Amino acid sequence: WEIVGYLPMGGWNECPMPEEMIAVCKYWYEKYKAV
């Protein structure tokens, strides 16, 4: 999930802010093992 912090993506249109994206990616990795 730290990849999203390394790549400054997010915060446009309806896309979550980077901080939110990292939190979601962490949650999804722990739940689904998705990266």
Full PDB file with SEQRES, HELIX, SHEET, SSBOND, CRYST1, ORIGX, SCALE, CONECT and MASTER records, all heavy atoms in Angstrom:
SEQRES   1 A   35  TRP GLU ILE VAL GLY TYR LEU PRO MET GLY GLY TRP ASN          
SEQRES   2 A   35  GLU CYS PRO MET PRO GLU GLU MET ILE ALA VAL CYS LYS          
SEQRES   3 A   35  TYR TRP TYR GLU LYS TYR LYS ALA VAL                          
HELIX    1 AA1 ILE A    3  TYR A    6  1                                   4    
HELIX    2 AA2 PRO A   18  TYR A   32  1                                  15    
CRYST1    1.000    1.000    1.000  90.00  90.00  90.00 P 1           1          
ORIGX1      1.000000  0.000000  0.000000        0.00000                         
ORIGX2      0.000000  1.000000  0.000000        0.00000                         
ORIGX3      0.000000  0.000000  1.000000        0.00000                         
SCALE1      1.000000  0.000000  0.000000        0.00000                         
SCALE2      0.000000  1.000000  0.000000        0.00000                         
SCALE3      0.000000  0.000000  1.000000        0.00000                         
ATOM      1  N   TRP A   1       0.814  -1.210   0.000  1.00  0.00           N  
ATOM      2  CA  TRP A   1       0.000   0.000   0.000  1.00  0.00           C  
ATOM      3  C   TRP A   1       0.855   1.270   0.000  1.00  0.00           C  
ATOM      4  O   TRP A   1       0.397   2.334  -0.384  1.00  0.00           O  
ATOM      5  CB  TRP A   1      -0.954   0.004   1.190  1.00  0.00           C  
ATOM      6  CG  TRP A   1      -0.307  -0.141   2.532  1.00  0.00           C  
ATOM      7  CD1 TRP A   1       0.224   0.858   3.314  1.00  0.00           C  
ATOM      8  CD2 TRP A   1      -0.123  -1.353   3.276  1.00  0.00           C  
ATOM      9  NE1 TRP A   1       0.720   0.355   4.479  1.00  0.00           N  
ATOM     10  CE2 TRP A   1       0.517  -1.008   4.495  1.00  0.00           C  
ATOM     11  CE3 TRP A   1      -0.443  -2.694   3.047  1.00  0.00           C  
ATOM     12  CZ2 TRP A   1       0.848  -1.960   5.463  1.00  0.00           C  
ATOM     13  CZ3 TRP A   1      -0.113  -3.635   4.008  1.00  0.00           C  
ATOM     14  CH2 TRP A   1       0.529  -3.270   5.194  1.00  0.00           C  
ATOM     15  N   GLU A   2       2.121   1.139   0.381  1.00  0.00           N  
ATOM     16  CA  GLU A   2       3.006   2.293   0.402  1.00  0.00           C  
ATOM     17  C   GLU A   2       3.384   2.749  -1.004  1.00  0.00           C  
ATOM     18  O   GLU A   2       3.905   3.860  -1.185  1.00  0.00           O  
ATOM     19  CB  GLU A   2       4.258   1.968   1.211  1.00  0.00           C  
ATOM     20  CG  GLU A   2       3.953   1.712   2.682  1.00  0.00           C  
ATOM     21  CD  GLU A   2       5.160   1.208   3.464  1.00  0.00           C  
ATOM     22  OE1 GLU A   2       6.182   0.891   2.826  1.00  0.00           O  
ATOM     23  OE2 GLU A   2       5.077   1.124   4.697  1.00  0.00           O  
ATOM     24  N   ILE A   3       3.110   1.922  -2.010  1.00  0.00           N  
ATOM     25  CA  ILE A   3       3.351   2.307  -3.401  1.00  0.00           C  
ATOM     26  C   ILE A   3       2.638   3.611  -3.720  1.00  0.00           C  
ATOM     27  O   ILE A   3       3.173   4.486  -4.409  1.00  0.00           O  
ATOM     28  CB  ILE A   3       2.863   1.200  -4.360  1.00  0.00           C  
ATOM     29  CG1 ILE A   3       3.734  -0.057  -4.227  1.00  0.00           C  
ATOM     30  CG2 ILE A   3       2.860   1.686  -5.809  1.00  0.00           C  
ATOM     31  CD1 ILE A   3       3.187  -1.258  -4.987  1.00  0.00           C  
ATOM     32  N   VAL A   4       1.417   3.758  -3.220  1.00  0.00           N  
ATOM     33  CA  VAL A   4       0.614   4.941  -3.520  1.00  0.00           C  
ATOM     34  C   VAL A   4       1.240   6.192  -2.920  1.00  0.00           C  
ATOM     35  O   VAL A   4       1.096   7.284  -3.466  1.00  0.00           O  
ATOM     36  CB  VAL A   4      -0.828   4.768  -3.014  1.00  0.00           C  
ATOM     37  CG1 VAL A   4      -1.672   5.975  -3.353  1.00  0.00           C  
ATOM     38  CG2 VAL A   4      -1.452   3.524  -3.620  1.00  0.00           C  
ATOM     39  N   GLY A   5       1.943   6.049  -1.806  1.00  0.00           N  
ATOM     40  CA  GLY A   5       2.651   7.182  -1.249  1.00  0.00           C  
ATOM     41  C   GLY A   5       3.886   7.529  -2.063  1.00  0.00           C  
ATOM     42  O   GLY A   5       4.286   8.693  -2.141  1.00  0.00           O  
ATOM     43  N   TYR A   6       4.483   6.520  -2.653  1.00  0.00           N  
ATOM     44  CA  TYR A   6       5.676   6.730  -3.467  1.00  0.00           C  
ATOM     45  C   TYR A   6       5.310   7.405  -4.779  1.00  0.00           C  
ATOM     46  O   TYR A   6       6.056   8.241  -5.296  1.00  0.00           O  
ATOM     47  CB  TYR A   6       6.345   5.380  -3.733  1.00  0.00           C  
ATOM     48  CG  TYR A   6       7.844   5.456  -3.861  1.00  0.00           C  
ATOM     49  CD1 TYR A   6       8.651   5.367  -2.725  1.00  0.00           C  
ATOM     50  CD2 TYR A   6       8.453   5.605  -5.086  1.00  0.00           C  
ATOM     51  CE1 TYR A   6      10.033   5.428  -2.825  1.00  0.00           C  
ATOM     52  CE2 TYR A   6       9.844   5.674  -5.200  1.00  0.00           C  
ATOM     53  CZ  TYR A   6      10.618   5.583  -4.065  1.00  0.00           C  
ATOM     54  OH  TYR A   6      11.979   5.657  -4.164  1.00  0.00           O  
ATOM     55  N   LEU A   7       4.165   7.032  -5.337  1.00  0.00           N  
ATOM     56  CA  LEU A   7       3.663   7.647  -6.566  1.00  0.00           C  
ATOM     57  C   LEU A   7       2.570   8.648  -6.171  1.00  0.00           C  
ATOM     58  O   LEU A   7       1.535   8.242  -5.653  1.00  0.00           O  
ATOM     59  CB  LEU A   7       3.074   6.583  -7.495  1.00  0.00           C  
ATOM     60  CG  LEU A   7       4.040   5.504  -7.988  1.00  0.00           C  
ATOM     61  CD1 LEU A   7       3.282   4.461  -8.791  1.00  0.00           C  
ATOM     62  CD2 LEU A   7       5.134   6.113  -8.833  1.00  0.00           C  
ATOM     63  N   PRO A   8       2.785   9.917  -6.399  1.00  0.00           N  
ATOM     64  CA  PRO A   8       1.834  10.936  -5.923  1.00  0.00           C  
ATOM     65  C   PRO A   8       0.560  10.987  -6.761  1.00  0.00           C  
ATOM     66  O   PRO A   8       0.290  11.954  -7.470  1.00  0.00           O  
ATOM     67  CB  PRO A   8       2.636  12.232  -6.060  1.00  0.00           C  
ATOM     68  CG  PRO A   8       3.547  11.972  -7.216  1.00  0.00           C  
ATOM     69  CD  PRO A   8       3.929  10.523  -7.103  1.00  0.00           C  
ATOM     70  N   MET A   9      -0.237   9.937  -6.699  1.00  0.00           N  
ATOM     71  CA  MET A   9      -1.444   9.868  -7.503  1.00  0.00           C  
ATOM     72  C   MET A   9      -2.678   9.993  -6.606  1.00  0.00           C  
ATOM     73  O   MET A   9      -2.712   9.468  -5.503  1.00  0.00           O  
ATOM     74  CB  MET A   9      -1.497   8.554  -8.287  1.00  0.00           C  
ATOM     75  CG  MET A   9      -0.226   8.239  -9.064  1.00  0.00           C  
ATOM     76  SD  MET A   9       0.220   9.495 -10.272  1.00  0.00           S  
ATOM     77  CE  MET A   9      -0.711   8.943 -11.689  1.00  0.00           C  
ATOM     78  N   GLY A  10      -3.675  10.680  -7.111  1.00  0.00           N  
ATOM     79  CA  GLY A  10      -4.923  10.822  -6.370  1.00  0.00           C  
ATOM     80  C   GLY A  10      -5.304  12.274  -6.164  1.00  0.00           C  
ATOM     81  O   GLY A  10      -4.493  13.185  -6.341  1.00  0.00           O  
ATOM     82  N   GLY A  11      -6.576  12.474  -5.809  1.00  0.00           N  
ATOM     83  CA  GLY A  11      -7.031  13.812  -5.485  1.00  0.00           C  
ATOM     84  C   GLY A  11      -7.661  14.570  -6.634  1.00  0.00           C  
ATOM     85  O   GLY A  11      -7.952  15.757  -6.501  1.00  0.00           O  
ATOM     86  N   TRP A  12      -7.888  13.907  -7.764  1.00  0.00           N  
ATOM     87  CA  TRP A  12      -8.550  14.584  -8.884  1.00  0.00           C  
ATOM     88  C   TRP A  12      -9.957  14.003  -9.050  1.00  0.00           C  
ATOM     89  O   TRP A  12     -10.204  12.848  -8.757  1.00  0.00           O  
ATOM     90  CB  TRP A  12      -7.758  14.413 -10.176  1.00  0.00           C  
ATOM     91  CG  TRP A  12      -7.660  13.007 -10.660  1.00  0.00           C  
ATOM     92  CD1 TRP A  12      -8.520  12.354 -11.491  1.00  0.00           C  
ATOM     93  CD2 TRP A  12      -6.654  12.036 -10.322  1.00  0.00           C  
ATOM     94  NE1 TRP A  12      -8.125  11.052 -11.697  1.00  0.00           N  
ATOM     95  CE2 TRP A  12      -6.983  10.838 -10.995  1.00  0.00           C  
ATOM     96  CE3 TRP A  12      -5.504  12.087  -9.520  1.00  0.00           C  
ATOM     97  CZ2 TRP A  12      -6.205   9.693 -10.887  1.00  0.00           C  
ATOM     98  CZ3 TRP A  12      -4.737  10.945  -9.426  1.00  0.00           C  
ATOM     99  CH2 TRP A  12      -5.081   9.763 -10.097  1.00  0.00           C  
ATOM    100  N   ASN A  13     -10.867  14.846  -9.543  1.00  0.00           N  
ATOM    101  CA  ASN A  13     -12.260  14.428  -9.748  1.00  0.00           C  
ATOM    102  C   ASN A  13     -12.786  13.709  -8.492  1.00  0.00           C  
ATOM    103  O   ASN A  13     -12.690  14.205  -7.396  1.00  0.00           O  
ATOM    104  CB  ASN A  13     -12.391  13.572 -10.998  1.00  0.00           C  
ATOM    105  CG  ASN A  13     -12.000  14.332 -12.263  1.00  0.00           C  
ATOM    106  OD1 ASN A  13     -11.995  15.555 -12.275  1.00  0.00           O  
ATOM    107  ND2 ASN A  13     -11.674  13.616 -13.313  1.00  0.00           N  
ATOM    108  N   GLU A  14     -13.322  12.505  -8.678  1.00  0.00           N  
ATOM    109  CA  GLU A  14     -13.842  11.732  -7.540  1.00  0.00           C  
ATOM    110  C   GLU A  14     -12.797  10.794  -6.942  1.00  0.00           C  
ATOM    111  O   GLU A  14     -13.094  10.014  -6.039  1.00  0.00           O  
ATOM    112  CB  GLU A  14     -15.060  10.908  -7.982  1.00  0.00           C  
ATOM    113  CG  GLU A  14     -16.272  11.735  -8.373  1.00  0.00           C  
ATOM    114  CD  GLU A  14     -16.871  12.472  -7.190  1.00  0.00           C  
ATOM    115  OE1 GLU A  14     -16.798  11.956  -6.061  1.00  0.00           O  
ATOM    116  OE2 GLU A  14     -17.403  13.576  -7.393  1.00  0.00           O  
ATOM    117  N   CYS A  15     -11.559  10.872  -7.442  1.00  0.00           N  
ATOM    118  CA  CYS A  15     -10.502   9.993  -6.938  1.00  0.00           C  
ATOM    119  C   CYS A  15     -10.105  10.394  -5.528  1.00  0.00           C  
ATOM    120  O   CYS A  15      -9.914  11.580  -5.247  1.00  0.00           O  
ATOM    121  CB  CYS A  15      -9.294  10.069  -7.860  1.00  0.00           C  
ATOM    122  SG  CYS A  15      -7.940   8.974  -7.400  1.00  0.00           S  
ATOM    123  N   PRO A  16      -9.991   9.431  -4.613  1.00  0.00           N  
ATOM    124  CA  PRO A  16      -9.588   9.756  -3.241  1.00  0.00           C  
ATOM    125  C   PRO A  16      -8.228  10.454  -3.186  1.00  0.00           C  
ATOM    126  O   PRO A  16      -7.399  10.295  -4.080  1.00  0.00           O  
ATOM    127  CB  PRO A  16      -9.530   8.387  -2.551  1.00  0.00           C  
ATOM    128  CG  PRO A  16     -10.395   7.504  -3.387  1.00  0.00           C  
ATOM    129  CD  PRO A  16     -10.243   7.992  -4.791  1.00  0.00           C  
ATOM    130  N   MET A  17      -7.993  11.199  -2.132  1.00  0.00           N  
ATOM    131  CA  MET A  17      -6.689  11.816  -1.911  1.00  0.00           C  
ATOM    132  C   MET A  17      -5.661  10.713  -1.625  1.00  0.00           C  
ATOM    133  O   MET A  17      -6.026   9.608  -1.209  1.00  0.00           O  
ATOM    134  CB  MET A  17      -6.770  12.777  -0.727  1.00  0.00           C  
ATOM    135  CG  MET A  17      -7.681  13.970  -0.968  1.00  0.00           C  
ATOM    136  SD  MET A  17      -7.127  15.025  -2.333  1.00  0.00           S  
ATOM    137  CE  MET A  17      -5.614  15.710  -1.618  1.00  0.00           C  
ATOM    138  N   PRO A  18      -4.364  11.003  -1.850  1.00  0.00           N  
ATOM    139  CA  PRO A  18      -3.341   9.974  -1.625  1.00  0.00           C  
ATOM    140  C   PRO A  18      -3.419   9.322  -0.249  1.00  0.00           C  
ATOM    141  O   PRO A  18      -3.269   8.099  -0.127  1.00  0.00           O  
ATOM    142  CB  PRO A  18      -2.031  10.754  -1.811  1.00  0.00           C  
ATOM    143  CG  PRO A  18      -2.369  11.829  -2.775  1.00  0.00           C  
ATOM    144  CD  PRO A  18      -3.769  12.239  -2.426  1.00  0.00           C  
ATOM    145  N   GLU A  19      -3.660  10.123   0.803  1.00  0.00           N  
ATOM    146  CA  GLU A  19      -3.739   9.557   2.147  1.00  0.00           C  
ATOM    147  C   GLU A  19      -4.888   8.557   2.270  1.00  0.00           C  
ATOM    148  O   GLU A  19      -4.759   7.515   2.923  1.00  0.00           O  
ATOM    149  CB  GLU A  19      -3.941  10.674   3.178  1.00  0.00           C  
ATOM    150  CG  GLU A  19      -2.800  11.667   3.245  1.00  0.00           C  
ATOM    151  CD  GLU A  19      -2.999  12.845   2.289  1.00  0.00           C  
ATOM    152  OE1 GLU A  19      -3.753  12.710   1.310  1.00  0.00           O  
ATOM    153  OE2 GLU A  19      -2.388  13.897   2.544  1.00  0.00           O  
ATOM    154  N   GLU A  20      -6.016   8.879   1.636  1.00  0.00           N  
ATOM    155  CA  GLU A  20      -7.161   7.972   1.661  1.00  0.00           C  
ATOM    156  C   GLU A  20      -6.886   6.734   0.822  1.00  0.00           C  
ATOM    157  O   GLU A  20      -7.251   5.614   1.204  1.00  0.00           O  
ATOM    158  CB  GLU A  20      -8.398   8.687   1.133  1.00  0.00           C  
ATOM    159  CG  GLU A  20      -8.863   9.848   1.987  1.00  0.00           C  
ATOM    160  CD  GLU A  20     -10.033  10.577   1.375  1.00  0.00           C  
ATOM    161  OE1 GLU A  20     -10.020  10.833   0.154  1.00  0.00           O  
ATOM    162  OE2 GLU A  20     -10.989  10.876   2.112  1.00  0.00           O  
ATOM    163  N   MET A  21      -6.232   6.926  -0.325  1.00  0.00           N  
ATOM    164  CA  MET A  21      -5.929   5.797  -1.191  1.00  0.00           C  
ATOM    165  C   MET A  21      -5.007   4.803  -0.511  1.00  0.00           C  
ATOM    166  O   MET A  21      -5.184   3.593  -0.635  1.00  0.00           O  
ATOM    167  CB  MET A  21      -5.306   6.295  -2.506  1.00  0.00           C  
ATOM    168  CG  MET A  21      -6.262   7.083  -3.375  1.00  0.00           C  
ATOM    169  SD  MET A  21      -5.514   7.620  -4.926  1.00  0.00           S  
ATOM    170  CE  MET A  21      -5.435   6.076  -5.826  1.00  0.00           C  
ATOM    171  N   ILE A  22      -4.025   5.317   0.226  1.00  0.00           N  
ATOM    172  CA  ILE A  22      -3.120   4.424   0.947  1.00  0.00           C  
ATOM    173  C   ILE A  22      -3.887   3.600   1.969  1.00  0.00           C  
ATOM    174  O   ILE A  22      -3.696   2.387   2.085  1.00  0.00           O  
ATOM    175  CB  ILE A  22      -1.995   5.220   1.649  1.00  0.00           C  
ATOM    176  CG1 ILE A  22      -1.093   5.876   0.619  1.00  0.00           C  
ATOM    177  CG2 ILE A  22      -1.174   4.302   2.553  1.00  0.00           C  
ATOM    178  CD1 ILE A  22      -0.030   6.756   1.228  1.00  0.00           C  
ATOM    179  N   ALA A  23      -4.777   4.257   2.701  1.00  0.00           N  
ATOM    180  CA  ALA A  23      -5.560   3.553   3.724  1.00  0.00           C  
ATOM    181  C   ALA A  23      -6.438   2.476   3.101  1.00  0.00           C  
ATOM    182  O   ALA A  23      -6.554   1.363   3.631  1.00  0.00           O  
ATOM    183  CB  ALA A  23      -6.409   4.547   4.502  1.00  0.00           C  
ATOM    184  N   VAL A  24      -7.057   2.784   1.964  1.00  0.00           N  
ATOM    185  CA  VAL A  24      -7.900   1.800   1.281  1.00  0.00           C  
ATOM    186  C   VAL A  24      -7.050   0.648   0.761  1.00  0.00           C  
ATOM    187  O   VAL A  24      -7.430  -0.524   0.886  1.00  0.00           O  
ATOM    188  CB  VAL A  24      -8.692   2.460   0.126  1.00  0.00           C  
ATOM    189  CG1 VAL A  24      -9.380   1.397  -0.724  1.00  0.00           C  
ATOM    190  CG2 VAL A  24      -9.722   3.439   0.674  1.00  0.00           C  
ATOM    191  N   CYS A  25      -5.899   0.972   0.185  1.00  0.00           N  
ATOM    192  CA  CYS A  25      -5.017  -0.082  -0.333  1.00  0.00           C  
ATOM    193  C   CYS A  25      -4.531  -0.994   0.787  1.00  0.00           C  
ATOM    194  O   CYS A  25      -4.405  -2.208   0.594  1.00  0.00           O  
ATOM    195  CB  CYS A  25      -3.826   0.540  -1.067  1.00  0.00           C  
ATOM    196  SG  CYS A  25      -4.251   1.310  -2.637  1.00  0.00           S  
ATOM    197  N   LYS A  26      -4.266  -0.440   1.948  1.00  0.00           N  
ATOM    198  CA  LYS A  26      -3.861  -1.249   3.106  1.00  0.00           C  
ATOM    199  C   LYS A  26      -5.005  -2.187   3.506  1.00  0.00           C  
ATOM    200  O   LYS A  26      -4.793  -3.393   3.730  1.00  0.00           O  
ATOM    201  CB  LYS A  26      -3.483  -0.348   4.272  1.00  0.00           C  
ATOM    202  CG  LYS A  26      -2.990  -1.073   5.519  1.00  0.00           C  
ATOM    203  CD  LYS A  26      -2.548  -0.062   6.584  1.00  0.00           C  
ATOM    204  CE  LYS A  26      -1.872  -0.772   7.757  1.00  0.00           C  
ATOM    205  NZ  LYS A  26      -2.792  -1.604   8.541  1.00  0.00           N  
ATOM    206  N   TYR A  27      -6.191  -1.634   3.578  1.00  0.00           N  
ATOM    207  CA  TYR A  27      -7.372  -2.421   3.935  1.00  0.00           C  
ATOM    208  C   TYR A  27      -7.608  -3.541   2.927  1.00  0.00           C  
ATOM    209  O   TYR A  27      -7.863  -4.695   3.306  1.00  0.00           O  
ATOM    210  CB  TYR A  27      -8.569  -1.473   4.003  1.00  0.00           C  
ATOM    211  CG  TYR A  27      -9.922  -2.137   4.095  1.00  0.00           C  
ATOM    212  CD1 TYR A  27     -10.255  -2.982   5.158  1.00  0.00           C  
ATOM    213  CD2 TYR A  27     -10.895  -1.901   3.120  1.00  0.00           C  
ATOM    214  CE1 TYR A  27     -11.505  -3.571   5.244  1.00  0.00           C  
ATOM    215  CE2 TYR A  27     -12.148  -2.487   3.197  1.00  0.00           C  
ATOM    216  CZ  TYR A  27     -12.454  -3.319   4.256  1.00  0.00           C  
ATOM    217  OH  TYR A  27     -13.689  -3.904   4.327  1.00  0.00           O  
ATOM    218  N   TRP A  28      -7.499  -3.220   1.649  1.00  0.00           N  
ATOM    219  CA  TRP A  28      -7.734  -4.233   0.622  1.00  0.00           C  
ATOM    220  C   TRP A  28      -6.638  -5.289   0.577  1.00  0.00           C  
ATOM    221  O   TRP A  28      -6.904  -6.447   0.270  1.00  0.00           O  
ATOM    222  CB  TRP A  28      -7.883  -3.556  -0.740  1.00  0.00           C  
ATOM    223  CG  TRP A  28      -9.274  -3.031  -0.980  1.00  0.00           C  
ATOM    224  CD1 TRP A  28     -10.365  -3.226  -0.208  1.00  0.00           C  
ATOM    225  CD2 TRP A  28      -9.710  -2.237  -2.094  1.00  0.00           C  
ATOM    226  NE1 TRP A  28     -11.468  -2.611  -0.755  1.00  0.00           N  
ATOM    227  CE2 TRP A  28     -11.092  -1.997  -1.902  1.00  0.00           C  
ATOM    228  CE3 TRP A  28      -9.074  -1.714  -3.214  1.00  0.00           C  
ATOM    229  CZ2 TRP A  28     -11.839  -1.253  -2.815  1.00  0.00           C  
ATOM    230  CZ3 TRP A  28      -9.816  -0.966  -4.117  1.00  0.00           C  
ATOM    231  CH2 TRP A  28     -11.189  -0.735  -3.917  1.00  0.00           C  
ATOM    232  N   TYR A  29      -5.401  -4.907   0.897  1.00  0.00           N  
ATOM    233  CA  TYR A  29      -4.349  -5.922   0.939  1.00  0.00           C  
ATOM    234  C   TYR A  29      -4.598  -6.892   2.084  1.00  0.00           C  
ATOM    235  O   TYR A  29      -4.477  -8.108   1.925  1.00  0.00           O  
ATOM    236  CB  TYR A  29      -2.972  -5.285   1.079  1.00  0.00           C  
ATOM    237  CG  TYR A  29      -1.875  -6.313   1.117  1.00  0.00           C  
ATOM    238  CD1 TYR A  29      -1.495  -6.993  -0.035  1.00  0.00           C  
ATOM    239  CD2 TYR A  29      -1.242  -6.626   2.320  1.00  0.00           C  
ATOM    240  CE1 TYR A  29      -0.505  -7.959   0.005  1.00  0.00           C  
ATOM    241  CE2 TYR A  29      -0.254  -7.592   2.364  1.00  0.00           C  
ATOM    242  CZ  TYR A  29       0.115  -8.261   1.203  1.00  0.00           C  
ATOM    243  OH  TYR A  29       1.086  -9.222   1.251  1.00  0.00           O  
ATOM    244  N   GLU A  30      -4.965  -6.367   3.218  1.00  0.00           N  
ATOM    245  CA  GLU A  30      -5.219  -7.218   4.383  1.00  0.00           C  
ATOM    246  C   GLU A  30      -6.455  -8.091   4.174  1.00  0.00           C  
ATOM    247  O   GLU A  30      -6.518  -9.215   4.696  1.00  0.00           O  
ATOM    248  CB  GLU A  30      -5.392  -6.344   5.622  1.00  0.00           C  
ATOM    249  CG  GLU A  30      -4.100  -5.642   6.032  1.00  0.00           C  
ATOM    250  CD  GLU A  30      -4.296  -4.610   7.131  1.00  0.00           C  
ATOM    251  OE1 GLU A  30      -5.449  -4.232   7.393  1.00  0.00           O  
ATOM    252  OE2 GLU A  30      -3.291  -4.178   7.719  1.00  0.00           O  
ATOM    253  N   LYS A  31      -7.401  -7.604   3.398  1.00  0.00           N  
ATOM    254  CA  LYS A  31      -8.654  -8.332   3.190  1.00  0.00           C  
ATOM    255  C   LYS A  31      -8.608  -9.262   1.973  1.00  0.00           C  
ATOM    256  O   LYS A  31      -9.106 -10.389   2.031  1.00  0.00           O  
ATOM    257  CB  LYS A  31      -9.793  -7.325   3.019  1.00  0.00           C  
ATOM    258  CG  LYS A  31     -11.191  -7.941   2.938  1.00  0.00           C  
ATOM    259  CD  LYS A  31     -12.251  -6.849   2.944  1.00  0.00           C  
ATOM    260  CE  LYS A  31     -13.664  -7.422   2.945  1.00  0.00           C  
ATOM    261  NZ  LYS A  31     -14.696  -6.344   3.008  1.00  0.00           N  
ATOM    262  N   TYR A  32      -7.999  -8.803   0.886  1.00  0.00           N  
ATOM    263  CA  TYR A  32      -8.026  -9.553  -0.380  1.00  0.00           C  
ATOM    264  C   TYR A  32      -6.635  -9.961  -0.882  1.00  0.00           C  
ATOM    265  O   TYR A  32      -6.539 -10.716  -1.844  1.00  0.00           O  
ATOM    266  CB  TYR A  32      -8.670  -8.709  -1.484  1.00  0.00           C  
ATOM    267  CG  TYR A  32     -10.049  -8.200  -1.197  1.00  0.00           C  
ATOM    268  CD1 TYR A  32     -10.251  -6.880  -0.802  1.00  0.00           C  
ATOM    269  CD2 TYR A  32     -11.170  -9.010  -1.346  1.00  0.00           C  
ATOM    270  CE1 TYR A  32     -11.524  -6.383  -0.548  1.00  0.00           C  
ATOM    271  CE2 TYR A  32     -12.450  -8.523  -1.103  1.00  0.00           C  
ATOM    272  CZ  TYR A  32     -12.618  -7.211  -0.705  1.00  0.00           C  
ATOM    273  OH  TYR A  32     -13.881  -6.732  -0.466  1.00  0.00           O  
ATOM    274  N   LYS A  33      -5.564  -9.416  -0.295  1.00  0.00           N  
ATOM    275  CA  LYS A  33      -4.202  -9.585  -0.804  1.00  0.00           C  
ATOM    276  C   LYS A  33      -4.027  -8.940  -2.176  1.00  0.00           C  
ATOM    277  O   LYS A  33      -3.173  -9.350  -2.969  1.00  0.00           O  
ATOM    278  CB  LYS A  33      -3.804 -11.071  -0.866  1.00  0.00           C  
ATOM    279  CG  LYS A  33      -3.824 -11.790   0.474  1.00  0.00           C  
ATOM    280  CD  LYS A  33      -2.892 -11.120   1.467  1.00  0.00           C  
ATOM    281  CE  LYS A  33      -2.894 -11.839   2.810  1.00  0.00           C  
ATOM    282  NZ  LYS A  33      -2.064 -11.140   3.813  1.00  0.00           N  
ATOM    283  N   ALA A  34      -4.835  -7.919  -2.455  1.00  0.00           N  
ATOM    284  CA  ALA A  34      -4.741  -7.185  -3.713  1.00  0.00           C  
ATOM    285  C   ALA A  34      -3.713  -6.064  -3.567  1.00  0.00           C  
ATOM    286  O   ALA A  34      -3.622  -5.424  -2.516  1.00  0.00           O  
ATOM    287  CB  ALA A  34      -6.099  -6.598  -4.092  1.00  0.00           C  
ATOM    288  N   VAL A  35      -2.932  -5.823  -4.628  1.00  0.00           N  
ATOM    289  CA  VAL A  35      -1.889  -4.797  -4.562  1.00  0.00           C  
ATOM    290  C   VAL A  35      -2.069  -3.805  -5.711  1.00  0.00           C  
ATOM    291  O   VAL A  35      -2.420  -4.184  -6.833  1.00  0.00           O  
ATOM    292  CB  VAL A  35      -0.482  -5.428  -4.642  1.00  0.00           C  
ATOM    293  CG1 VAL A  35      -0.255  -6.385  -3.487  1.00  0.00           C  
ATOM    294  CG2 VAL A  35      -0.269  -6.150  -5.963  1.00  0.00           C  
TER     295      VAL A  35                                                      
MASTER        0    0    0    2    0    0    0    6  294    1    0    3          
END                                                                             
